[in-house]
């Protein structure tokens, strides 16, 4: 891959920074943006792993009573209240 030298007077627009600048400054700005994005991507990966761990912990500690307890609770009173008196 060959690179062409550009004229210093040429202006390039860097959209994220809304900046009109020379080619070499634009390259430097874009490289800075790539570094910032790389840091943010690492932080995002860390957050995703923390969230996944919390979801696993939440699902492991969730205590749903089994259906047997519900049916036992409902069948405690086998006779209607009128017959007990």
PDB file of N, CA and C in Angstrom:
ATOM      1  N   UNK A   1       0.853  -1.180   0.000  1.00  0.00           N
ATOM      2  CA  UNK A   1       0.000   0.000   0.000  1.00  0.00           C
ATOM      3  C   UNK A   1       0.894   1.237   0.000  1.00  0.00           C
ATOM      4  N   UNK A   2       0.664   2.121  -0.906  1.00  0.00           N
ATOM      5  CA  UNK A   2       1.472   3.333  -0.978  1.00  0.00           C
ATOM      6  C   UNK A   2       0.674   4.503  -0.441  1.00  0.00           C
ATOM      7  N   UNK A   3       1.394   5.421   0.173  1.00  0.00           N
ATOM      8  CA  UNK A   3       0.737   6.630   0.674  1.00  0.00           C
ATOM      9  C   UNK A   3       1.176   7.801  -0.189  1.00  0.00           C
ATOM     10  N   UNK A   4       0.266   8.696  -0.410  1.00  0.00           N
ATOM     11  CA  UNK A   4       0.575   9.895  -1.177  1.00  0.00           C
ATOM     12  C   UNK A   4       0.728  11.065  -0.219  1.00  0.00           C
ATOM     13  N   UNK A   5       1.716  11.879  -0.502  1.00  0.00           N
ATOM     14  CA  UNK A   5       1.870  13.087   0.311  1.00  0.00           C
ATOM     15  C   UNK A   5       0.794  14.084  -0.100  1.00  0.00           C
ATOM     16  N   UNK A   6       0.201  14.694   0.869  1.00  0.00           N
ATOM     17  CA  UNK A   6      -0.860  15.668   0.590  1.00  0.00           C
ATOM     18  C   UNK A   6      -0.307  17.074   0.815  1.00  0.00           C
ATOM     19  N   UNK A   7      -0.945  17.999   0.193  1.00  0.00           N
ATOM     20  CA  UNK A   7      -0.535  19.383   0.393  1.00  0.00           C
ATOM     21  C   UNK A   7      -0.958  19.843   1.780  1.00  0.00           C
ATOM     22  N   UNK A   8      -0.111  20.653   2.412  1.00  0.00           N
ATOM     23  CA  UNK A   8      -0.456  21.161   3.740  1.00  0.00           C
ATOM     24  C   UNK A   8      -1.644  22.101   3.693  1.00  0.00           C
ATOM     25  N   UNK A   9      -1.871  22.754   2.574  1.00  0.00           N
ATOM     26  CA  UNK A   9      -2.967  23.703   2.471  1.00  0.00           C
ATOM     27  C   UNK A   9      -4.334  23.046   2.365  1.00  0.00           C
ATOM     28  N   UNK A  10      -4.394  21.756   2.060  1.00  0.00           N
ATOM     29  CA  UNK A  10      -5.674  21.057   1.934  1.00  0.00           C
ATOM     30  C   UNK A  10      -6.346  20.960   3.299  1.00  0.00           C
ATOM     31  N   UNK A  11      -7.631  21.161   3.311  1.00  0.00           N
ATOM     32  CA  UNK A  11      -8.378  21.061   4.566  1.00  0.00           C
ATOM     33  C   UNK A  11      -9.234  19.808   4.541  1.00  0.00           C
ATOM     34  N   UNK A  12      -9.307  19.130   5.661  1.00  0.00           N
ATOM     35  CA  UNK A  12     -10.116  17.926   5.807  1.00  0.00           C
ATOM     36  C   UNK A  12     -11.075  18.136   6.966  1.00  0.00           C
ATOM     37  N   UNK A  13     -12.236  17.588   6.829  1.00  0.00           N
ATOM     38  CA  UNK A  13     -13.274  17.767   7.843  1.00  0.00           C
ATOM     39  C   UNK A  13     -13.368  16.499   8.680  1.00  0.00           C
ATOM     40  N   UNK A  14     -13.241  16.652   9.999  1.00  0.00           N
ATOM     41  CA  UNK A  14     -13.389  15.531  10.924  1.00  0.00           C
ATOM     42  C   UNK A  14     -14.761  15.688  11.572  1.00  0.00           C
ATOM     43  N   UNK A  15     -15.754  14.862  11.182  1.00  0.00           N
ATOM     44  CA  UNK A  15     -17.141  15.071  11.605  1.00  0.00           C
ATOM     45  C   UNK A  15     -17.357  15.019  13.118  1.00  0.00           C
ATOM     46  N   UNK A  16     -16.726  14.078  13.812  1.00  0.00           N
ATOM     47  CA  UNK A  16     -16.987  13.941  15.250  1.00  0.00           C
ATOM     48  C   UNK A  16     -16.526  15.155  16.041  1.00  0.00           C
ATOM     49  N   UNK A  17     -15.497  15.821  15.553  1.00  0.00           N
ATOM     50  CA  UNK A  17     -14.977  16.989  16.261  1.00  0.00           C
ATOM     51  C   UNK A  17     -15.417  18.298  15.610  1.00  0.00           C
ATOM     52  N   UNK A  18     -16.141  18.197  14.497  1.00  0.00           N
ATOM     53  CA  UNK A  18     -16.563  19.388  13.736  1.00  0.00           C
ATOM     54  C   UNK A  18     -15.365  20.317  13.505  1.00  0.00           C
ATOM     55  N   UNK A  19     -14.373  19.743  12.883  1.00  0.00           N
ATOM     56  CA  UNK A  19     -13.094  20.421  12.784  1.00  0.00           C
ATOM     57  C   UNK A  19     -12.602  20.406  11.340  1.00  0.00           C
ATOM     58  N   UNK A  20     -12.282  21.561  10.810  1.00  0.00           N
ATOM     59  CA  UNK A  20     -11.602  21.653   9.522  1.00  0.00           C
ATOM     60  C   UNK A  20     -10.123  21.792   9.811  1.00  0.00           C
ATOM     61  N   UNK A  21      -9.326  20.881   9.282  1.00  0.00           N
ATOM     62  CA  UNK A  21      -7.907  20.894   9.617  1.00  0.00           C
ATOM     63  C   UNK A  21      -7.102  20.306   8.470  1.00  0.00           C
ATOM     64  N   UNK A  22      -5.789  20.338   8.603  1.00  0.00           N
ATOM     65  CA  UNK A  22      -4.933  19.744   7.584  1.00  0.00           C
ATOM     66  C   UNK A  22      -5.003  18.227   7.694  1.00  0.00           C
ATOM     67  N   UNK A  23      -4.502  17.561   6.662  1.00  0.00           N
ATOM     68  CA  UNK A  23      -4.560  16.102   6.621  1.00  0.00           C
ATOM     69  C   UNK A  23      -3.848  15.487   7.819  1.00  0.00           C
ATOM     70  N   UNK A  24      -2.667  15.975   8.135  1.00  0.00           N
ATOM     71  CA  UNK A  24      -1.880  15.370   9.210  1.00  0.00           C
ATOM     72  C   UNK A  24      -2.530  15.600  10.571  1.00  0.00           C
ATOM     73  N   UNK A  25      -3.125  16.759  10.763  1.00  0.00           N
ATOM     74  CA  UNK A  25      -3.860  16.999  12.010  1.00  0.00           C
ATOM     75  C   UNK A  25      -5.108  16.125  12.072  1.00  0.00           C
ATOM     76  N   UNK A  26      -5.761  15.935  10.932  1.00  0.00           N
ATOM     77  CA  UNK A  26      -6.951  15.083  10.901  1.00  0.00           C
ATOM     78  C   UNK A  26      -6.584  13.654  11.275  1.00  0.00           C
ATOM     79  N   UNK A  27      -5.450  13.172  10.789  1.00  0.00           N
ATOM     80  CA  UNK A  27      -4.997  11.825  11.140  1.00  0.00           C
ATOM     81  C   UNK A  27      -4.744  11.734  12.638  1.00  0.00           C
ATOM     82  N   UNK A  28      -4.131  12.749  13.213  1.00  0.00           N
ATOM     83  CA  UNK A  28      -3.857  12.745  14.652  1.00  0.00           C
ATOM     84  C   UNK A  28      -5.156  12.754  15.449  1.00  0.00           C
ATOM     85  N   UNK A  29      -6.118  13.559  15.015  1.00  0.00           N
ATOM     86  CA  UNK A  29      -7.406  13.625  15.710  1.00  0.00           C
ATOM     87  C   UNK A  29      -8.128  12.286  15.616  1.00  0.00           C
ATOM     88  N   UNK A  30      -8.116  11.678  14.443  1.00  0.00           N
ATOM     89  CA  UNK A  30      -8.786  10.386  14.261  1.00  0.00           C
ATOM     90  C   UNK A  30      -8.108   9.314  15.106  1.00  0.00           C
ATOM     91  N   UNK A  31      -6.784   9.344  15.191  1.00  0.00           N
ATOM     92  CA  UNK A  31      -6.084   8.385  16.049  1.00  0.00           C
ATOM     93  C   UNK A  31      -6.474   8.573  17.510  1.00  0.00           C
ATOM     94  N   UNK A  32      -6.609   9.830  17.940  1.00  0.00           N
ATOM     95  CA  UNK A  32      -7.065  10.095  19.314  1.00  0.00           C
ATOM     96  C   UNK A  32      -8.466   9.540  19.534  1.00  0.00           C
ATOM     97  N   UNK A  33      -9.336   9.727  18.542  1.00  0.00           N
ATOM     98  CA  UNK A  33     -10.698   9.196  18.656  1.00  0.00           C
ATOM     99  C   UNK A  33     -10.688   7.674  18.760  1.00  0.00           C
ATOM    100  N   UNK A  34      -9.835   7.027  17.990  1.00  0.00           N
ATOM    101  CA  UNK A  34      -9.738   5.564  18.058  1.00  0.00           C
ATOM    102  C   UNK A  34      -9.290   5.111  19.447  1.00  0.00           C
ATOM    103  N   UNK A  35      -8.351   5.837  20.040  1.00  0.00           N
ATOM    104  CA  UNK A  35      -7.903   5.491  21.401  1.00  0.00           C
ATOM    105  C   UNK A  35      -9.039   5.662  22.402  1.00  0.00           C
ATOM    106  N   UNK A  36      -9.801   6.761  22.272  1.00  0.00           N
ATOM    107  CA  UNK A  36     -10.938   6.982  23.173  1.00  0.00           C
ATOM    108  C   UNK A  36     -11.972   5.868  23.025  1.00  0.00           C
ATOM    109  N   UNK A  37     -12.247   5.471  21.798  1.00  0.00           N
ATOM    110  CA  UNK A  37     -13.218   4.403  21.554  1.00  0.00           C
ATOM    111  C   UNK A  37     -12.722   3.088  22.141  1.00  0.00           C
ATOM    112  N   UNK A  38     -11.429   2.810  22.010  1.00  0.00           N
ATOM    113  CA  UNK A  38     -10.874   1.568  22.555  1.00  0.00           C
ATOM    114  C   UNK A  38     -11.042   1.519  24.071  1.00  0.00           C
ATOM    115  N   UNK A  39     -10.832   2.649  24.738  1.00  0.00           N
ATOM    116  CA  UNK A  39     -11.018   2.701  26.192  1.00  0.00           C
ATOM    117  C   UNK A  39     -12.483   2.464  26.532  1.00  0.00           C
ATOM    118  N   UNK A  40     -13.383   3.099  25.792  1.00  0.00           N
ATOM    119  CA  UNK A  40     -14.818   2.923  26.047  1.00  0.00           C
ATOM    120  C   UNK A  40     -15.254   1.485  25.785  1.00  0.00           C
ATOM    121  N   UNK A  41     -14.701   0.855  24.755  1.00  0.00           N
ATOM    122  CA  UNK A  41     -15.052  -0.538  24.471  1.00  0.00           C
ATOM    123  C   UNK A  41     -14.629  -1.449  25.613  1.00  0.00           C
ATOM    124  N   UNK A  42     -13.449  -1.202  26.180  1.00  0.00           N
ATOM    125  CA  UNK A  42     -12.990  -2.015  27.314  1.00  0.00           C
ATOM    126  C   UNK A  42     -13.916  -1.826  28.513  1.00  0.00           C
ATOM    127  N   UNK A  43     -14.319  -0.587  28.770  1.00  0.00           N
ATOM    128  CA  UNK A  43     -15.242  -0.324  29.878  1.00  0.00           C
ATOM    129  C   UNK A  43     -16.588  -0.996  29.633  1.00  0.00           C
ATOM    130  N   UNK A  44     -17.064  -0.965  28.393  1.00  0.00           N
ATOM    131  CA  UNK A  44     -18.329  -1.621  28.053  1.00  0.00           C
ATOM    132  C   UNK A  44     -18.250  -3.129  28.267  1.00  0.00           C
ATOM    133  N   UNK A  45     -17.141  -3.746  27.859  1.00  0.00           N
ATOM    134  CA  UNK A  45     -16.967  -5.182  28.084  1.00  0.00           C
ATOM    135  C   UNK A  45     -17.004  -5.498  29.574  1.00  0.00           C
ATOM    136  N   UNK A  46     -16.336  -4.656  30.388  1.00  0.00           N
ATOM    137  CA  UNK A  46     -16.351  -4.867  31.837  1.00  0.00           C
ATOM    138  C   UNK A  46     -17.765  -4.764  32.384  1.00  0.00           C
ATOM    139  N   UNK A  47     -18.513  -3.763  31.931  1.00  0.00           N
ATOM    140  CA  UNK A  47     -19.888  -3.596  32.399  1.00  0.00           C
ATOM    141  C   UNK A  47     -20.765  -4.772  31.994  1.00  0.00           C
ATOM    142  N   UNK A  48     -20.586  -5.252  30.771  1.00  0.00           N
ATOM    143  CA  UNK A  48     -21.372  -6.406  30.316  1.00  0.00           C
ATOM    144  C   UNK A  48     -21.076  -7.636  31.160  1.00  0.00           C
ATOM    145  N   UNK A  49     -19.804  -7.838  31.501  1.00  0.00           N
ATOM    146  CA  UNK A  49     -19.473  -9.015  32.312  1.00  0.00           C
ATOM    147  C   UNK A  49     -20.030  -8.871  33.721  1.00  0.00           C
ATOM    148  N   UNK A  50     -20.007  -7.662  34.282  1.00  0.00           N
ATOM    149  CA  UNK A  50     -20.579  -7.439  35.617  1.00  0.00           C
ATOM    150  C   UNK A  50     -22.081  -7.686  35.587  1.00  0.00           C
ATOM    151  N   UNK A  51     -22.756  -7.185  34.550  1.00  0.00           N
ATOM    152  CA  UNK A  51     -24.203  -7.387  34.451  1.00  0.00           C
ATOM    153  C   UNK A  51     -24.544  -8.865  34.295  1.00  0.00           C
ATOM    154  N   UNK A  52     -23.757  -9.589  33.512  1.00  0.00           N
ATOM    155  CA  UNK A  52     -24.009 -11.018  33.330  1.00  0.00           C
ATOM    156  C   UNK A  52     -23.824 -11.764  34.647  1.00  0.00           C
ATOM    157  N   UNK A  53     -22.801 -11.388  35.400  1.00  0.00           N
ATOM    158  CA  UNK A  53     -22.562 -12.029  36.698  1.00  0.00           C
ATOM    159  C   UNK A  53     -23.707 -11.742  37.651  1.00  0.00           C
ATOM    160  N   UNK A  54     -24.180 -10.507  37.667  1.00  0.00           N
ATOM    161  CA  UNK A  54     -25.297 -10.156  38.559  1.00  0.00           C
ATOM    162  C   UNK A  54     -26.561 -10.907  38.176  1.00  0.00           C
ATOM    163  N   UNK A  55     -26.809 -11.053  36.864  1.00  0.00           N
ATOM    164  CA  UNK A  55     -27.984 -11.807  36.428  1.00  0.00           C
ATOM    165  C   UNK A  55     -27.899 -13.255  36.884  1.00  0.00           C
ATOM    166  N   UNK A  56     -26.713 -13.833  36.785  1.00  0.00           N
ATOM    167  CA  UNK A  56     -26.542 -15.213  37.233  1.00  0.00           C
ATOM    168  C   UNK A  56     -26.754 -15.318  38.738  1.00  0.00           C
ATOM    169  N   UNK A  57     -26.210 -14.348  39.487  1.00  0.00           N
ATOM    170  CA  UNK A  57     -26.384 -14.359  40.941  1.00  0.00           C
ATOM    171  C   UNK A  57     -27.849 -14.202  41.314  1.00  0.00           C
ATOM    172  N   UNK A  58     -28.540 -13.288  40.623  1.00  0.00           N
ATOM    173  CA  UNK A  58     -29.960 -13.073  40.916  1.00  0.00           C
ATOM    174  C   UNK A  58     -30.778 -14.320  40.638  1.00  0.00           C
ATOM    175  N   UNK A  59     -30.493 -14.978  39.536  1.00  0.00           N
ATOM    176  CA  UNK A  59     -31.271 -16.171  39.214  1.00  0.00           C
ATOM    177  C   UNK A  59     -30.925 -17.323  40.146  1.00  0.00           C
ATOM    178  N   UNK A  60     -29.708 -17.366  40.664  1.00  0.00           N
ATOM    179  CA  UNK A  60     -29.321 -18.438  41.582  1.00  0.00           C
ATOM    180  C   UNK A  60     -29.964 -18.256  42.949  1.00  0.00           C
ATOM    181  N   UNK A  61     -30.145 -17.006  43.375  1.00  0.00           N
ATOM    182  CA  UNK A  61     -30.686 -16.747  44.708  1.00  0.00           C
ATOM    183  C   UNK A  61     -32.182 -16.495  44.718  1.00  0.00           C
ATOM    184  N   UNK A  62     -32.815 -16.513  43.569  1.00  0.00           N
ATOM    185  CA  UNK A  62     -34.255 -16.296  43.513  1.00  0.00           C
ATOM    186  C   UNK A  62     -34.937 -17.485  44.170  1.00  0.00           C
ATOM    187  N   UNK A  63     -35.785 -17.201  45.092  1.00  0.00           N
ATOM    188  CA  UNK A  63     -36.453 -18.281  45.817  1.00  0.00           C
ATOM    189  C   UNK A  63     -37.921 -18.312  45.448  1.00  0.00           C
ATOM    190  N   UNK A  64     -38.237 -19.082  44.446  1.00  0.00           N
ATOM    191  CA  UNK A  64     -39.629 -19.294  44.075  1.00  0.00           C
ATOM    192  C   UNK A  64     -40.118 -20.519  44.822  1.00  0.00           C
ATOM    193  N   UNK A  65     -41.162 -20.386  45.612  1.00  0.00           N
ATOM    194  CA  UNK A  65     -41.655 -21.565  46.324  1.00  0.00           C
ATOM    195  C   UNK A  65     -42.200 -22.585  45.337  1.00  0.00           C
ATOM    196  N   UNK A  66     -41.974 -23.846  45.598  1.00  0.00           N
ATOM    197  CA  UNK A  66     -42.486 -24.859  44.676  1.00  0.00           C
ATOM    198  C   UNK A  66     -44.005 -24.882  44.680  1.00  0.00           C
ATOM    199  N   UNK A  67     -44.571 -25.400  43.620  1.00  0.00           N
ATOM    200  CA  UNK A  67     -46.022 -25.443  43.481  1.00  0.00           C
ATOM    201  C   UNK A  67     -46.666 -26.317  44.549  1.00  0.00           C
ATOM    202  N   UNK A  68     -45.958 -27.275  45.102  1.00  0.00           N
ATOM    203  CA  UNK A  68     -46.509 -28.155  46.136  1.00  0.00           C
ATOM    204  C   UNK A  68     -46.912 -27.342  47.356  1.00  0.00           C
ATOM    205  N   UNK A  69     -46.111 -26.341  47.716  1.00  0.00           N
ATOM    206  CA  UNK A  69     -46.458 -25.511  48.869  1.00  0.00           C
ATOM    207  C   UNK A  69     -47.763 -24.769  48.625  1.00  0.00           C
ATOM    208  N   UNK A  70     -47.965 -24.286  47.405  1.00  0.00           N
ATOM    209  CA  UNK A  70     -49.210 -23.592  47.106  1.00  0.00           C
ATOM    210  C   UNK A  70     -50.407 -24.526  47.266  1.00  0.00           C
ATOM    211  N   UNK A  71     -50.320 -25.719  46.746  1.00  0.00           N
ATOM    212  CA  UNK A  71     -51.461 -26.635  46.833  1.00  0.00           C
ATOM    213  C   UNK A  71     -51.684 -27.083  48.273  1.00  0.00           C
ATOM    214  N   UNK A  72     -50.620 -27.245  49.056  1.00  0.00           N
ATOM    215  CA  UNK A  72     -50.779 -27.631  50.460  1.00  0.00           C
ATOM    216  C   UNK A  72     -51.451 -26.505  51.236  1.00  0.00           C
ATOM    217  N   UNK A  73     -51.083 -25.295  50.945  1.00  0.00           N
ATOM    218  CA  UNK A  73     -51.676 -24.155  51.638  1.00  0.00           C
ATOM    219  C   UNK A  73     -53.170 -24.051  51.325  1.00  0.00           C
ATOM    220  N   UNK A  74     -53.533 -24.320  50.097  1.00  0.00           N
ATOM    221  CA  UNK A  74     -54.935 -24.215  49.711  1.00  0.00           C
ATOM    222  C   UNK A  74     -55.773 -25.363  50.277  1.00  0.00           C
ATOM    223  N   UNK A  75     -55.163 -26.502  50.530  1.00  0.00           N
ATOM    224  CA  UNK A  75     -55.944 -27.644  50.993  1.00  0.00           C
ATOM    225  C   UNK A  75     -55.923 -27.800  52.511  1.00  0.00           C
ATOM    226  N   UNK A  76     -55.429 -26.813  53.246  1.00  0.00           N
ATOM    227  CA  UNK A  76     -55.395 -26.898  54.711  1.00  0.00           C
ATOM    228  C   UNK A  76     -56.811 -27.016  55.263  1.00  0.00           C
ATOM    229  N   UNK A  77     -57.704 -26.219  54.766  1.00  0.00           N
ATOM    230  CA  UNK A  77     -59.084 -26.243  55.247  1.00  0.00           C
ATOM    231  C   UNK A  77     -59.884 -27.141  54.315  1.00  0.00           C
ATOM    232  N   UNK A  78     -60.113 -28.347  54.710  1.00  0.00           N
ATOM    233  CA  UNK A  78     -60.825 -29.288  53.855  1.00  0.00           C
ATOM    234  C   UNK A  78     -62.332 -29.190  54.031  1.00  0.00           C
ATOM    235  N   UNK A  79     -62.794 -28.656  55.174  1.00  0.00           N
ATOM    236  CA  UNK A  79     -64.233 -28.530  55.408  1.00  0.00           C
ATOM    237  C   UNK A  79     -64.637 -27.071  55.314  1.00  0.00           C
ATOM    238  N   UNK A  80     -65.820 -26.800  54.842  1.00  0.00           N
ATOM    239  CA  UNK A  80     -66.295 -25.414  54.813  1.00  0.00           C
ATOM    240  C   UNK A  80     -66.407 -24.863  56.232  1.00  0.00           C
ATOM    241  N   UNK A  81     -66.320 -23.559  56.372  1.00  0.00           N
ATOM    242  CA  UNK A  81     -66.348 -22.909  57.681  1.00  0.00           C
ATOM    243  C   UNK A  81     -67.678 -23.142  58.392  1.00  0.00           C
ATOM    244  N   UNK A  82     -68.791 -23.304  57.694  1.00  0.00           N
ATOM    245  CA  UNK A  82     -70.101 -23.497  58.317  1.00  0.00           C
ATOM    246  C   UNK A  82     -70.174 -24.837  59.046  1.00  0.00           C
ATOM    247  N   UNK A  83     -69.538 -25.854  58.521  1.00  0.00           N
ATOM    248  CA  UNK A  83     -69.603 -27.177  59.138  1.00  0.00           C
ATOM    249  C   UNK A  83     -68.735 -27.261  60.387  1.00  0.00           C
ATOM    250  N   UNK A  84     -67.670 -26.455  60.497  1.00  0.00           N
ATOM    251  CA  UNK A  84     -66.779 -26.505  61.653  1.00  0.00           C
ATOM    252  C   UNK A  84     -67.471 -25.995  62.906  1.00  0.00           C
ATOM    253  N   UNK A  85     -68.405 -25.093  62.801  1.00  0.00           N
ATOM    254  CA  UNK A  85     -69.040 -24.495  63.976  1.00  0.00           C
ATOM    255  C   UNK A  85     -70.024 -25.390  64.535  1.00  0.00           C
TER     256      UNK A  85
END
